[in-house]
Each structure stands twice: as C-alpha cells, then as structure tokens.
N, C-alpha and C. Protein backbone atom coordinates (compact mmCIF):
# COMPACT_ATOMS: atom_id res chain seq x y z
N MET A 1 98.04 80.30 76.84
CA MET A 1 98.54 80.09 78.12
C MET A 1 100.15 79.82 78.05
N ILE A 2 100.92 80.52 79.12
CA ILE A 2 102.39 80.57 78.90
C ILE A 2 102.99 79.06 78.75
N LYS A 3 102.20 78.00 79.30
CA LYS A 3 102.90 76.78 79.27
C LYS A 3 103.04 76.26 77.84
N SER A 4 102.23 76.76 76.87
CA SER A 4 102.37 76.34 75.51
C SER A 4 103.74 76.95 74.76
N TRP A 5 104.22 78.02 75.48
CA TRP A 5 105.42 78.71 74.84
C TRP A 5 106.79 78.22 75.46
N ILE A 6 106.72 77.71 76.72
CA ILE A 6 108.00 77.53 77.42
C ILE A 6 108.77 76.32 76.73
N ARG A 7 110.05 76.55 76.56
CA ARG A 7 110.98 75.49 76.18
C ARG A 7 112.29 75.82 76.62
N LYS A 8 113.24 74.97 76.71
CA LYS A 8 114.56 75.20 77.22
C LYS A 8 115.71 75.14 76.36
N ASP A 9 115.55 75.61 75.01
CA ASP A 9 116.57 75.51 74.11
C ASP A 9 117.11 76.83 73.73
N PHE A 10 116.83 77.82 74.67
CA PHE A 10 117.31 79.30 74.31
C PHE A 10 118.71 79.48 74.59
N PRO A 11 119.58 79.91 73.70
CA PRO A 11 120.93 80.46 73.95
C PRO A 11 120.59 81.88 74.52
N TYR A 12 121.60 82.38 75.28
CA TYR A 12 121.28 83.59 75.99
C TYR A 12 122.72 84.58 76.27
N ARG A 13 123.24 83.90 77.31
CA ARG A 13 124.55 84.48 77.66
C ARG A 13 125.52 83.31 77.78
N PRO A 14 125.83 82.49 76.80
CA PRO A 14 126.65 81.29 76.88
C PRO A 14 128.06 81.64 77.65
N GLY A 15 128.32 80.69 78.57
CA GLY A 15 129.63 80.82 79.28
C GLY A 15 129.55 81.76 80.47
N ALA A 16 128.71 82.49 80.62
CA ALA A 16 128.54 83.41 81.78
C ALA A 16 128.00 82.69 83.03
N LYS A 17 128.77 82.65 84.01
CA LYS A 17 128.40 81.87 85.19
C LYS A 17 127.39 82.66 86.01
N ARG A 18 126.58 82.02 86.81
CA ARG A 18 125.63 82.71 87.68
C ARG A 18 126.41 83.13 88.92
N THR A 19 126.01 84.40 89.27
CA THR A 19 126.68 85.04 90.41
C THR A 19 125.55 85.79 91.20
N GLY A 20 125.94 86.05 92.45
CA GLY A 20 125.04 86.89 93.38
C GLY A 20 123.77 85.86 93.55
N ASP A 21 122.75 86.68 93.52
CA ASP A 21 121.34 85.97 93.94
C ASP A 21 120.56 85.37 92.75
N ARG A 22 119.96 84.31 93.07
CA ARG A 22 118.98 83.77 92.02
C ARG A 22 117.61 84.21 92.44
N PHE A 23 116.53 83.64 91.81
CA PHE A 23 115.18 84.14 92.06
C PHE A 23 114.86 83.78 93.52
N GLY A 24 114.23 84.67 94.20
CA GLY A 24 113.71 84.32 95.59
C GLY A 24 114.43 85.25 96.68
N LEU A 25 114.26 84.83 97.81
CA LEU A 25 115.01 85.69 98.96
C LEU A 25 116.53 85.74 98.79
N ARG A 26 116.99 86.81 99.09
CA ARG A 26 118.48 87.14 99.02
C ARG A 26 119.09 86.29 100.06
N HIS A 27 120.49 86.17 99.91
CA HIS A 27 121.29 85.40 100.82
C HIS A 27 121.95 86.27 101.77
N ASP A 28 121.67 87.64 101.74
CA ASP A 28 122.37 88.70 102.59
C ASP A 28 121.47 89.78 102.71
N ALA A 29 121.77 90.74 103.51
CA ALA A 29 120.96 92.06 103.85
C ALA A 29 121.10 93.18 102.82
N LEU A 30 121.82 92.84 101.63
CA LEU A 30 122.16 93.89 100.75
C LEU A 30 121.11 93.95 99.79
N GLY A 31 120.39 95.20 99.52
CA GLY A 31 119.35 95.28 98.43
C GLY A 31 117.95 94.81 99.04
N SER A 32 117.04 94.79 98.19
CA SER A 32 115.69 94.33 98.51
C SER A 32 115.71 92.93 98.83
N PRO A 33 114.90 92.48 99.85
CA PRO A 33 115.10 91.12 100.33
C PRO A 33 114.63 90.11 99.34
N ALA A 34 113.63 90.33 98.55
CA ALA A 34 113.10 89.61 97.47
C ALA A 34 113.87 89.87 96.09
N HIS A 35 114.47 88.83 95.59
CA HIS A 35 115.27 89.10 94.25
C HIS A 35 114.40 88.45 93.15
N LEU A 36 113.82 89.22 92.29
CA LEU A 36 112.99 88.63 91.27
C LEU A 36 113.54 88.46 89.92
N GLY A 37 114.80 88.06 89.93
CA GLY A 37 115.52 87.77 88.67
C GLY A 37 116.66 86.82 88.96
N ASP A 38 117.51 86.73 88.08
CA ASP A 38 118.61 85.75 87.90
C ASP A 38 119.81 86.60 87.48
N ASP A 39 121.00 86.52 88.34
CA ASP A 39 122.13 87.28 88.01
C ASP A 39 123.25 86.40 87.40
N ARG A 40 123.82 86.90 86.34
CA ARG A 40 125.12 86.21 85.74
C ARG A 40 126.34 87.27 85.74
N SER A 41 127.49 86.65 85.79
CA SER A 41 128.60 87.50 85.79
C SER A 41 128.86 88.23 84.60
N GLY A 42 129.77 89.12 84.81
CA GLY A 42 129.98 90.04 83.50
C GLY A 42 130.98 89.49 82.50
N ASP A 43 131.53 88.34 82.74
CA ASP A 43 132.46 87.73 81.73
C ASP A 43 132.02 86.29 81.38
N PRO A 44 131.97 85.89 80.14
CA PRO A 44 132.20 86.70 78.96
C PRO A 44 130.92 87.60 79.00
N ASN A 45 131.13 88.78 78.24
CA ASN A 45 130.18 89.88 78.36
C ASN A 45 129.07 89.80 77.27
N HIS A 46 129.08 88.95 76.42
CA HIS A 46 128.21 89.08 75.29
C HIS A 46 126.82 88.43 75.46
N PHE A 47 125.83 88.84 74.82
CA PHE A 47 124.46 88.40 74.76
C PHE A 47 124.11 87.82 73.41
N VAL A 48 123.39 86.76 73.35
CA VAL A 48 122.85 86.17 72.15
C VAL A 48 121.33 86.17 72.22
N MET A 49 120.77 86.49 70.94
CA MET A 49 119.29 86.49 70.93
C MET A 49 118.69 85.17 71.13
N PRO A 50 117.83 84.92 72.09
CA PRO A 50 117.39 83.77 72.60
C PRO A 50 116.29 83.04 71.62
N PHE A 51 115.57 84.07 70.85
CA PHE A 51 114.58 83.53 69.88
C PHE A 51 114.55 84.58 68.85
N ASP A 52 113.78 84.31 67.73
CA ASP A 52 113.37 85.36 66.73
C ASP A 52 112.47 86.43 67.45
N GLY A 53 112.96 87.69 67.24
CA GLY A 53 112.20 88.64 67.91
C GLY A 53 112.78 90.16 67.67
N GLU A 54 112.40 90.97 68.64
CA GLU A 54 112.80 92.36 68.71
C GLU A 54 113.52 92.60 69.99
N ILE A 55 114.36 93.58 70.01
CA ILE A 55 115.03 94.08 71.17
C ILE A 55 114.81 95.65 71.35
N TYR A 56 114.50 96.01 72.46
CA TYR A 56 114.50 97.57 72.84
C TYR A 56 115.46 97.84 73.86
N TRP A 57 116.40 98.92 73.52
CA TRP A 57 117.28 99.09 74.64
C TRP A 57 117.34 100.65 74.76
N SER A 58 117.37 101.03 76.04
CA SER A 58 117.59 102.51 76.40
C SER A 58 118.28 102.74 77.66
N LEU A 59 118.97 103.77 77.94
CA LEU A 59 119.51 104.15 79.22
C LEU A 59 118.39 104.55 80.12
N GLU A 60 118.44 104.39 81.54
CA GLU A 60 117.51 104.65 82.44
C GLU A 60 118.31 105.04 83.70
N LYS A 61 118.91 106.41 83.70
CA LYS A 61 119.95 106.74 84.59
C LYS A 61 119.41 106.82 85.99
N ASP A 62 118.13 107.19 86.36
CA ASP A 62 117.62 107.26 87.42
C ASP A 62 116.92 106.00 88.07
N SER A 63 117.30 104.90 87.57
CA SER A 63 116.52 103.71 87.98
C SER A 63 117.71 102.64 88.52
N ALA A 64 117.30 101.65 89.17
CA ALA A 64 118.07 100.64 89.70
C ALA A 64 118.58 99.77 88.54
N PHE A 65 117.93 99.80 87.38
CA PHE A 65 118.38 98.99 86.36
C PHE A 65 119.46 99.66 85.48
N GLY A 66 119.60 101.02 85.55
CA GLY A 66 120.65 101.75 84.88
C GLY A 66 120.36 101.83 83.42
N SER A 67 119.74 100.62 82.74
CA SER A 67 119.37 100.66 81.40
C SER A 67 118.34 99.52 81.38
N ILE A 68 117.42 99.41 80.31
CA ILE A 68 116.58 98.43 80.18
C ILE A 68 116.79 97.85 78.68
N LEU A 69 116.88 96.45 78.68
CA LEU A 69 117.07 95.86 77.58
C LEU A 69 115.78 94.75 77.49
N ARG A 70 114.81 94.99 76.56
CA ARG A 70 113.68 94.16 76.66
C ARG A 70 113.82 93.26 75.30
N ILE A 71 113.77 91.99 75.55
CA ILE A 71 113.79 91.01 74.51
C ILE A 71 112.50 90.37 74.30
N ILE A 72 111.80 90.59 73.05
CA ILE A 72 110.50 90.30 72.86
C ILE A 72 110.27 89.26 71.70
N PRO A 73 109.86 88.07 71.93
CA PRO A 73 109.63 87.08 70.95
C PRO A 73 108.46 87.42 69.84
N LEU A 74 108.69 87.08 68.68
CA LEU A 74 107.69 87.26 67.65
C LEU A 74 106.57 86.29 67.73
N ASP A 75 106.71 85.08 68.28
CA ASP A 75 105.87 84.08 68.26
C ASP A 75 104.72 84.08 69.43
N PHE A 76 104.97 84.87 70.37
CA PHE A 76 104.07 84.92 71.54
C PHE A 76 103.99 86.32 72.09
N GLY A 77 102.83 86.88 72.15
CA GLY A 77 102.73 88.26 72.44
C GLY A 77 102.29 88.53 74.00
N GLU A 78 102.51 87.51 74.77
CA GLU A 78 102.22 87.85 76.30
C GLU A 78 103.41 87.46 77.13
N THR A 79 104.76 87.67 76.51
CA THR A 79 105.88 87.46 77.45
C THR A 79 106.94 88.18 76.85
N GLU A 80 108.00 88.58 77.73
CA GLU A 80 109.25 89.15 77.20
C GLU A 80 110.32 88.95 78.30
N ILE A 81 111.52 89.14 77.98
CA ILE A 81 112.66 88.94 78.94
C ILE A 81 113.16 90.49 79.15
N GLN A 82 113.42 91.05 80.30
CA GLN A 82 113.87 92.26 80.65
C GLN A 82 115.09 92.15 81.34
N VAL A 83 116.26 92.81 80.98
CA VAL A 83 117.59 92.78 81.55
C VAL A 83 118.13 94.07 81.96
N ALA A 84 118.62 94.16 83.13
CA ALA A 84 119.30 95.42 83.73
C ALA A 84 120.85 95.29 83.56
N HIS A 85 121.37 96.55 83.66
CA HIS A 85 122.70 96.91 83.69
C HIS A 85 123.55 96.83 82.53
N THR A 86 122.90 96.68 81.22
CA THR A 86 123.73 96.49 80.07
C THR A 86 123.97 97.91 79.47
N ILE A 87 125.12 97.87 78.71
CA ILE A 87 125.54 99.05 77.92
C ILE A 87 125.76 98.75 76.44
N ARG A 88 125.82 99.68 75.58
CA ARG A 88 126.10 99.36 74.18
C ARG A 88 127.46 98.93 73.91
N ARG A 89 127.49 97.89 72.99
CA ARG A 89 128.88 97.45 72.53
C ARG A 89 129.69 98.62 72.09
N ASP A 90 129.02 99.49 71.32
CA ASP A 90 129.79 100.58 70.54
C ASP A 90 129.97 101.81 71.30
N GLY A 91 129.56 101.73 72.60
CA GLY A 91 129.71 102.89 73.50
C GLY A 91 128.82 104.05 73.32
N PHE A 92 127.94 104.11 72.30
CA PHE A 92 126.96 105.15 72.13
C PHE A 92 125.81 105.06 73.17
N LYS A 93 125.09 105.97 73.20
CA LYS A 93 124.01 105.99 74.10
C LYS A 93 122.52 106.21 73.55
N ALA A 94 122.43 106.19 72.42
CA ALA A 94 121.13 106.20 71.78
C ALA A 94 120.37 104.93 71.87
N LYS A 95 119.09 105.10 71.78
CA LYS A 95 118.09 104.07 71.91
C LYS A 95 118.38 102.91 70.76
N ILE A 96 118.04 101.72 71.11
CA ILE A 96 118.10 100.69 69.95
C ILE A 96 116.68 100.16 69.98
N ASN A 97 116.27 99.90 68.80
CA ASN A 97 115.09 99.05 68.39
C ASN A 97 115.30 98.21 67.12
N CYS A 98 115.60 97.09 67.22
CA CYS A 98 115.96 96.23 66.13
C CYS A 98 115.32 94.87 66.04
N ARG A 99 115.20 94.11 64.91
CA ARG A 99 114.87 92.80 65.14
C ARG A 99 116.03 91.98 64.82
N TYR A 100 116.02 90.77 65.46
CA TYR A 100 117.28 89.81 65.36
C TYR A 100 116.63 88.43 65.44
N ASN A 101 117.31 87.57 64.80
CA ASN A 101 117.06 86.09 64.75
C ASN A 101 117.75 85.52 65.99
N SER A 102 117.23 84.30 66.07
CA SER A 102 117.68 83.36 67.24
C SER A 102 119.19 83.13 66.94
N GLY A 103 119.96 83.30 67.98
CA GLY A 103 121.32 82.97 67.84
C GLY A 103 122.29 84.25 67.38
N ASP A 104 121.65 85.26 67.01
CA ASP A 104 122.38 86.65 66.66
C ASP A 104 123.02 87.10 67.96
N LEU A 105 124.42 87.72 67.61
CA LEU A 105 124.93 88.49 68.66
C LEU A 105 124.31 89.80 68.91
N LEU A 106 123.90 90.06 70.06
CA LEU A 106 123.21 91.47 70.33
C LEU A 106 124.23 92.61 70.45
N PRO A 107 123.78 93.80 70.30
CA PRO A 107 124.71 94.91 70.30
C PRO A 107 124.87 95.62 71.57
N VAL A 108 124.65 94.83 72.63
CA VAL A 108 124.85 95.13 74.09
C VAL A 108 125.77 94.25 74.79
N ILE A 109 126.39 94.69 75.89
CA ILE A 109 127.26 94.01 76.69
C ILE A 109 126.87 94.13 78.22
N THR A 110 127.50 93.28 79.09
CA THR A 110 127.20 93.60 80.62
C THR A 110 127.90 94.91 80.86
N GLY A 111 127.17 95.66 81.90
CA GLY A 111 127.87 96.90 82.36
C GLY A 111 127.79 97.04 83.76
N GLU A 112 128.08 98.16 84.42
CA GLU A 112 128.07 98.38 85.70
C GLU A 112 127.37 99.56 85.97
N ILE A 113 126.09 99.58 85.46
CA ILE A 113 125.18 100.92 85.75
C ILE A 113 124.04 100.38 86.46
N GLY A 114 123.46 101.46 87.20
CA GLY A 114 122.19 101.17 87.94
C GLY A 114 122.76 100.80 89.35
N LEU A 115 121.89 100.01 90.06
CA LEU A 115 122.31 99.43 91.37
C LEU A 115 123.06 98.22 91.18
N THR A 116 124.26 98.20 91.13
CA THR A 116 125.18 97.04 91.00
C THR A 116 126.50 97.10 91.77
N TYR A 117 127.05 96.02 91.99
CA TYR A 117 128.29 95.96 92.83
C TYR A 117 129.35 95.36 91.96
N GLY A 118 129.24 95.47 90.51
CA GLY A 118 130.15 94.88 89.67
C GLY A 118 129.46 94.51 88.42
N PRO A 119 130.24 94.48 87.31
CA PRO A 119 129.36 94.05 85.97
C PRO A 119 128.75 92.75 86.15
N HIS A 120 127.51 92.69 85.73
CA HIS A 120 126.65 91.60 85.62
C HIS A 120 125.36 91.77 84.94
N SER A 121 124.66 90.80 84.64
CA SER A 121 123.37 90.99 83.96
C SER A 121 122.28 90.54 85.00
N HIS A 122 121.21 91.32 85.19
CA HIS A 122 120.03 90.87 85.97
C HIS A 122 118.85 90.64 85.10
N THR A 123 118.48 89.32 85.11
CA THR A 123 117.37 89.04 83.98
C THR A 123 116.14 88.72 84.70
N GLU A 124 114.98 89.29 84.18
CA GLU A 124 113.72 89.04 84.69
C GLU A 124 112.77 88.48 83.64
N TRP A 125 112.03 87.45 83.83
CA TRP A 125 111.07 86.92 82.91
C TRP A 125 109.50 87.37 83.10
N ILE A 126 109.05 88.23 82.33
CA ILE A 126 107.86 88.87 82.50
C ILE A 126 106.71 88.16 81.60
N ILE A 127 105.48 87.95 82.43
CA ILE A 127 104.41 87.28 81.74
C ILE A 127 103.20 88.10 82.03
N LYS A 128 102.30 88.11 81.06
CA LYS A 128 101.01 88.86 81.19
C LYS A 128 100.14 87.93 82.15
N TYR A 129 99.62 88.68 83.10
CA TYR A 129 98.75 87.96 84.15
C TYR A 129 97.57 87.47 83.51
N SER A 130 97.23 86.15 83.82
CA SER A 130 95.95 85.50 83.51
C SER A 130 95.81 84.44 84.65
N ASP A 131 94.47 84.13 84.80
CA ASP A 131 94.25 83.15 85.75
C ASP A 131 94.90 81.92 85.55
N ASP A 132 94.93 81.48 84.19
CA ASP A 132 95.71 80.14 83.84
C ASP A 132 97.00 80.10 84.07
N ASN A 133 97.70 81.38 83.69
CA ASN A 133 99.15 81.45 84.06
C ASN A 133 99.54 81.43 85.41
N TYR A 134 98.61 82.05 86.31
CA TYR A 134 98.81 82.15 87.54
C TYR A 134 98.87 80.63 88.35
N LYS A 135 97.64 79.97 87.83
CA LYS A 135 97.54 78.48 88.43
C LYS A 135 98.63 77.56 87.94
N TYR A 136 99.19 77.92 86.75
CA TYR A 136 100.43 77.06 86.33
C TYR A 136 101.67 77.14 87.31
N PHE A 137 101.89 78.60 87.67
CA PHE A 137 103.14 78.58 88.48
C PHE A 137 102.73 78.33 89.91
N LEU A 138 101.44 78.64 90.27
CA LEU A 138 101.10 78.32 91.75
C LEU A 138 101.32 76.87 92.19
N ALA A 139 101.21 76.00 91.17
CA ALA A 139 101.28 74.52 91.37
C ALA A 139 102.74 74.15 91.67
N ASP A 140 103.73 75.08 91.56
CA ASP A 140 105.08 74.60 91.46
C ASP A 140 106.17 75.33 92.45
N GLY A 141 105.54 76.06 93.40
CA GLY A 141 106.49 76.64 94.41
C GLY A 141 105.88 76.70 95.78
N GLU A 142 106.64 77.39 96.59
CA GLU A 142 106.30 77.63 98.04
C GLU A 142 105.96 79.01 98.30
N PHE A 143 104.89 79.28 99.09
CA PHE A 143 104.53 80.54 99.46
C PHE A 143 105.47 81.29 100.46
N ILE A 144 105.77 82.46 100.20
CA ILE A 144 106.64 83.16 101.02
C ILE A 144 105.85 84.43 101.73
N ALA A 145 105.19 85.21 100.96
CA ALA A 145 104.41 86.35 101.60
C ALA A 145 103.42 86.91 100.67
N ASP A 146 102.41 87.59 101.13
CA ASP A 146 101.52 88.42 100.32
C ASP A 146 101.24 89.70 101.26
N LYS A 147 100.37 90.68 100.84
CA LYS A 147 100.09 91.75 101.72
C LYS A 147 99.36 91.55 102.96
N GLU A 148 98.90 90.29 103.16
CA GLU A 148 98.20 89.99 104.54
C GLU A 148 98.89 89.08 105.39
N LYS A 149 99.76 88.34 104.94
CA LYS A 149 100.52 87.26 105.66
C LYS A 149 101.89 86.93 105.19
N VAL A 150 102.66 86.20 106.08
CA VAL A 150 104.06 85.73 105.61
C VAL A 150 104.15 84.45 106.16
N ASN A 151 104.98 83.70 105.42
CA ASN A 151 105.28 82.36 105.96
C ASN A 151 106.44 82.44 106.84
N ASP A 152 106.12 82.47 107.99
CA ASP A 152 107.07 82.69 109.18
C ASP A 152 108.06 81.49 109.16
N LYS A 153 107.73 80.28 108.95
CA LYS A 153 108.55 79.07 108.94
C LYS A 153 109.52 79.05 107.80
N TYR A 154 109.07 79.50 106.71
CA TYR A 154 110.13 79.46 105.50
C TYR A 154 111.06 80.46 105.80
N ILE A 155 110.58 81.69 106.11
CA ILE A 155 111.45 82.99 106.31
C ILE A 155 112.64 82.66 107.43
N LYS A 156 111.98 82.01 108.56
CA LYS A 156 113.02 81.79 109.62
C LYS A 156 114.07 80.79 109.11
N ALA A 157 113.70 79.66 108.48
CA ALA A 157 114.63 78.69 108.03
C ALA A 157 115.66 79.34 106.92
N HIS A 158 115.20 80.20 106.19
CA HIS A 158 116.06 80.95 105.15
C HIS A 158 117.05 81.77 105.93
N CYS A 159 116.64 82.51 106.96
CA CYS A 159 117.46 83.39 107.70
C CYS A 159 118.31 82.57 108.50
N GLU A 160 118.11 81.59 109.12
CA GLU A 160 119.04 80.71 109.98
C GLU A 160 120.22 80.18 109.02
N LYS A 161 119.75 79.63 107.88
CA LYS A 161 120.60 79.16 106.89
C LYS A 161 121.77 80.16 106.60
N TYR A 162 121.43 81.35 106.38
CA TYR A 162 122.36 82.35 105.87
C TYR A 162 122.69 83.31 106.79
N GLY A 163 122.36 83.19 108.17
CA GLY A 163 122.95 83.95 109.20
C GLY A 163 122.39 85.40 109.09
N MET A 164 121.11 85.55 108.80
CA MET A 164 120.36 86.72 108.62
C MET A 164 119.42 86.97 109.85
N ASP A 165 119.04 88.21 109.91
CA ASP A 165 118.00 88.59 111.19
C ASP A 165 116.62 88.26 110.69
N THR A 166 116.05 87.32 111.32
CA THR A 166 114.72 86.88 110.93
C THR A 166 113.61 88.02 110.86
N ASP A 167 113.61 88.82 112.11
CA ASP A 167 112.59 89.87 112.27
C ASP A 167 112.76 91.04 111.31
N LYS A 168 114.12 91.42 111.14
CA LYS A 168 114.32 92.51 110.36
C LYS A 168 114.04 92.02 108.90
N THR A 169 114.43 90.85 108.52
CA THR A 169 114.04 90.35 106.99
C THR A 169 112.53 90.36 106.85
N THR A 170 111.78 89.93 107.84
CA THR A 170 110.33 89.87 107.75
C THR A 170 109.71 91.27 107.49
N ILE A 171 110.17 92.25 108.34
CA ILE A 171 109.76 93.69 108.21
C ILE A 171 110.07 94.14 106.72
N TYR A 172 111.39 93.88 106.21
CA TYR A 172 111.90 94.44 104.92
C TYR A 172 111.10 93.81 103.86
N ILE A 173 110.54 92.50 103.92
CA ILE A 173 109.79 91.88 103.01
C ILE A 173 108.49 92.56 102.86
N LYS A 174 107.87 92.73 103.95
CA LYS A 174 106.45 93.40 104.06
C LYS A 174 106.64 94.90 103.37
N GLN A 175 107.79 95.63 103.51
CA GLN A 175 108.01 96.77 103.08
C GLN A 175 108.18 96.85 101.65
N GLN A 176 108.84 95.77 101.13
CA GLN A 176 109.09 95.64 99.60
C GLN A 176 107.66 95.41 98.91
N LEU A 177 106.91 94.49 99.53
CA LEU A 177 105.71 94.14 98.83
C LEU A 177 104.90 95.41 98.68
N TYR A 178 104.79 96.23 99.83
CA TYR A 178 104.08 97.49 99.70
C TYR A 178 104.61 98.47 98.70
N ILE A 179 105.80 98.70 98.78
CA ILE A 179 106.49 99.77 97.93
C ILE A 179 106.43 99.20 96.45
N TRP A 180 106.62 98.06 96.17
CA TRP A 180 106.94 97.60 94.73
C TRP A 180 105.46 97.19 94.24
N GLY A 181 104.41 97.17 95.04
CA GLY A 181 103.01 96.76 94.58
C GLY A 181 103.08 95.29 94.25
N ILE A 182 103.66 94.36 95.06
CA ILE A 182 103.82 92.96 94.94
C ILE A 182 102.49 92.39 95.64
N LYS A 183 101.85 91.74 94.85
CA LYS A 183 100.55 91.07 95.44
C LYS A 183 100.88 89.79 96.19
N THR A 184 101.75 88.98 95.57
CA THR A 184 102.10 87.76 96.33
C THR A 184 103.42 87.26 95.81
N LEU A 185 104.21 86.67 96.61
CA LEU A 185 105.58 86.31 96.33
C LEU A 185 105.72 84.82 96.76
N TYR A 186 106.11 84.00 95.83
CA TYR A 186 106.52 82.56 96.06
C TYR A 186 107.97 82.47 95.74
N THR A 187 108.41 81.08 95.83
CA THR A 187 109.88 80.80 95.71
C THR A 187 110.03 80.81 94.15
N ASN A 188 109.12 80.65 93.32
CA ASN A 188 109.28 80.59 91.89
C ASN A 188 108.62 81.63 91.05
N PHE A 189 107.86 82.63 91.59
CA PHE A 189 107.19 83.59 90.92
C PHE A 189 106.67 84.66 91.79
N ALA A 190 106.35 85.84 91.34
CA ALA A 190 105.66 86.94 91.99
C ALA A 190 104.68 87.61 91.18
N ILE A 191 103.74 88.22 91.66
CA ILE A 191 102.70 89.04 90.90
C ILE A 191 102.98 90.52 91.34
N ARG A 192 103.12 91.34 90.40
CA ARG A 192 103.14 92.74 90.66
C ARG A 192 102.05 93.45 89.98
N ASP A 193 101.50 94.54 90.68
CA ASP A 193 100.35 95.19 90.18
C ASP A 193 100.62 95.87 88.79
N CYS A 194 101.78 96.29 88.69
CA CYS A 194 102.27 96.89 87.38
C CYS A 194 103.72 97.00 87.57
N LEU A 195 104.48 97.45 86.32
CA LEU A 195 105.83 97.79 86.38
C LEU A 195 106.10 99.21 86.15
N PRO A 196 107.27 99.76 86.54
CA PRO A 196 107.54 101.14 86.22
C PRO A 196 107.50 101.57 84.75
N ASN A 197 107.12 102.72 84.44
CA ASN A 197 106.86 103.11 82.92
C ASN A 197 107.87 102.51 81.98
N TYR A 198 109.22 102.78 82.38
CA TYR A 198 110.18 102.40 81.39
C TYR A 198 110.23 100.79 81.21
N ARG A 199 109.58 100.07 82.17
CA ARG A 199 109.55 98.68 81.87
C ARG A 199 108.07 98.18 81.31
N THR A 200 107.24 98.93 81.05
CA THR A 200 105.95 98.56 80.39
C THR A 200 106.04 97.62 79.39
N PRO A 201 105.52 96.41 79.53
CA PRO A 201 105.70 95.40 78.50
C PRO A 201 104.97 95.62 77.27
N GLN A 202 105.11 94.84 76.20
CA GLN A 202 104.54 95.20 74.89
C GLN A 202 102.99 95.11 74.85
N TRP A 203 102.37 94.43 75.73
CA TRP A 203 101.00 94.47 75.81
C TRP A 203 100.27 95.60 76.66
N GLY A 204 101.16 96.31 77.21
CA GLY A 204 100.49 97.54 78.04
C GLY A 204 100.66 97.38 79.49
N ASP A 205 100.00 98.27 80.28
CA ASP A 205 100.15 98.14 81.67
C ASP A 205 99.22 97.18 82.33
N GLY A 206 99.34 97.04 83.63
CA GLY A 206 98.45 96.07 84.38
C GLY A 206 99.42 95.12 85.01
N PRO A 207 98.68 93.95 85.73
CA PRO A 207 99.35 93.12 86.42
C PRO A 207 100.30 92.22 85.75
N VAL A 208 101.40 91.82 86.25
CA VAL A 208 102.20 90.83 85.56
C VAL A 208 102.75 89.83 86.50
N ILE A 209 103.05 88.71 85.95
CA ILE A 209 103.78 87.55 86.49
C ILE A 209 105.26 87.58 86.30
N ILE A 210 106.06 87.68 87.23
CA ILE A 210 107.64 87.63 87.23
C ILE A 210 108.11 86.19 87.62
N ALA A 211 108.48 85.43 86.75
CA ALA A 211 108.75 84.00 87.01
C ALA A 211 110.28 83.69 86.91
N ASP A 212 110.81 82.80 87.67
CA ASP A 212 112.18 82.39 87.77
C ASP A 212 112.65 81.93 86.33
N PRO A 213 113.57 82.74 85.67
CA PRO A 213 114.05 82.48 84.22
C PRO A 213 114.84 81.26 84.25
N MET A 214 115.59 80.91 85.22
CA MET A 214 116.48 79.79 85.24
C MET A 214 115.63 78.46 85.26
N LYS A 215 114.74 78.43 86.11
CA LYS A 215 113.99 77.29 86.46
C LYS A 215 113.02 76.77 85.21
N TYR A 216 112.53 77.94 84.59
CA TYR A 216 111.61 77.38 83.56
C TYR A 216 112.15 77.58 82.13
N LEU A 217 113.08 78.55 81.91
CA LEU A 217 113.63 78.70 80.58
C LEU A 217 115.10 78.26 80.36
N ASP A 218 115.73 78.08 81.63
CA ASP A 218 117.10 77.52 81.52
C ASP A 218 117.97 78.48 80.60
N ILE A 219 117.77 79.81 80.78
CA ILE A 219 118.54 80.85 79.95
C ILE A 219 119.89 81.19 80.80
C-alpha cells in the first residue's frame, strides 16, 4: 500500500517557489480546468534526486509536456514522479536512462517546452491503482466530479472566488473527464483509466491514481 512508502523528507527543487496552479481546479480559464500536478518556477532551475532510483528522460515534441522526466524509486515498484517541460543541462536531445542516489544533482533543468507560458516544472505523482490506495486518498479530500455527476456547490464556490464562469467551467470539467479518461476527480487525487504511451509507468498500462505531490510528499 502506498501509505507505507510516503514520507516528507524528499529534496527535489530546493529554492524554487511554487507558481501557477497547484493540484485541483485552476484559478483561471487558461488550460484544462483540472490541474493534476504542482507547478514550480524556473529559478533556480536545478533538480535534485529525491530518493535512490532511476530516471528516464526524453523529448516529446507533440505533447503538452514537451518532454517527460520519470523519477522511479528503487524501494517501491508501484509509484513514480513524472515531470513536464524539462530540458537537458548539456543542451543535447538524446534520451537519458541513469541511476542516481538521493541528493544527486540531475542532468536536467527547467525549460519552456510543451504547453507552458514560461520556464517552470509541472510535477505529477503517479501511483498504481489498487482498492487500498484508492480508499487511502478517498478519506482525505472533497469530491469534485466523475463521469456521472459533479459537485455543483464546490464548483460554484470556486468560480465565484476566482471570478470564473460557473456554467462554462462545469462544461469544461465534464469535457476534460471524458477526453482524458478521468474516472473521478477529488481535491487531492484523480483516477485516470490510463496514461499516454510516453508516460506509461514502470508497472505497465492500466488505471492510475494521480495524487497531490505537495500535500503528501512535500516535494
């Protein structure tokens, strides 16, 4: 179960302030209404390995990510961190597959590739779906929407707070759930039927939980 792995002593992007949207509904109408990750500024631009493990990096020019950085722990085979918008520190474009120890400086930096409005990192925490993992996150958040219903009260309050159109936002949420294959969306996690091929996690295809990396890992 993922609970046995969670801890909050991960170095990752020390000194980089959070910018843009956190996990959950966006605060404006730019991009998809549900933001399934955590954004940090481009400066300082370095990445630190958060645990002993491997990284995989490659360019993905036709994706919103621009590139995919997958950070995979050695001690737990049912989770990984996936990061968007990075570029290689040395400027080359070849793929990277290397092992690093916790605290090592990684060979990538923040970039401005993919769907981005300036250099930053977008981080998603991916977990293999299981009933136990689902129940763990379910006990800790507020329901937003699934393919059958939406939390009208929550969405309305969110839109009023940030000056957004409630009706349009509700429509866009329903569209995103359908297009992205999101089964359910909460304030702290979402379940997707599968991820795009270039983001297939180490354990293979199938449903995944995407949870708020700041809330649970404090990275």
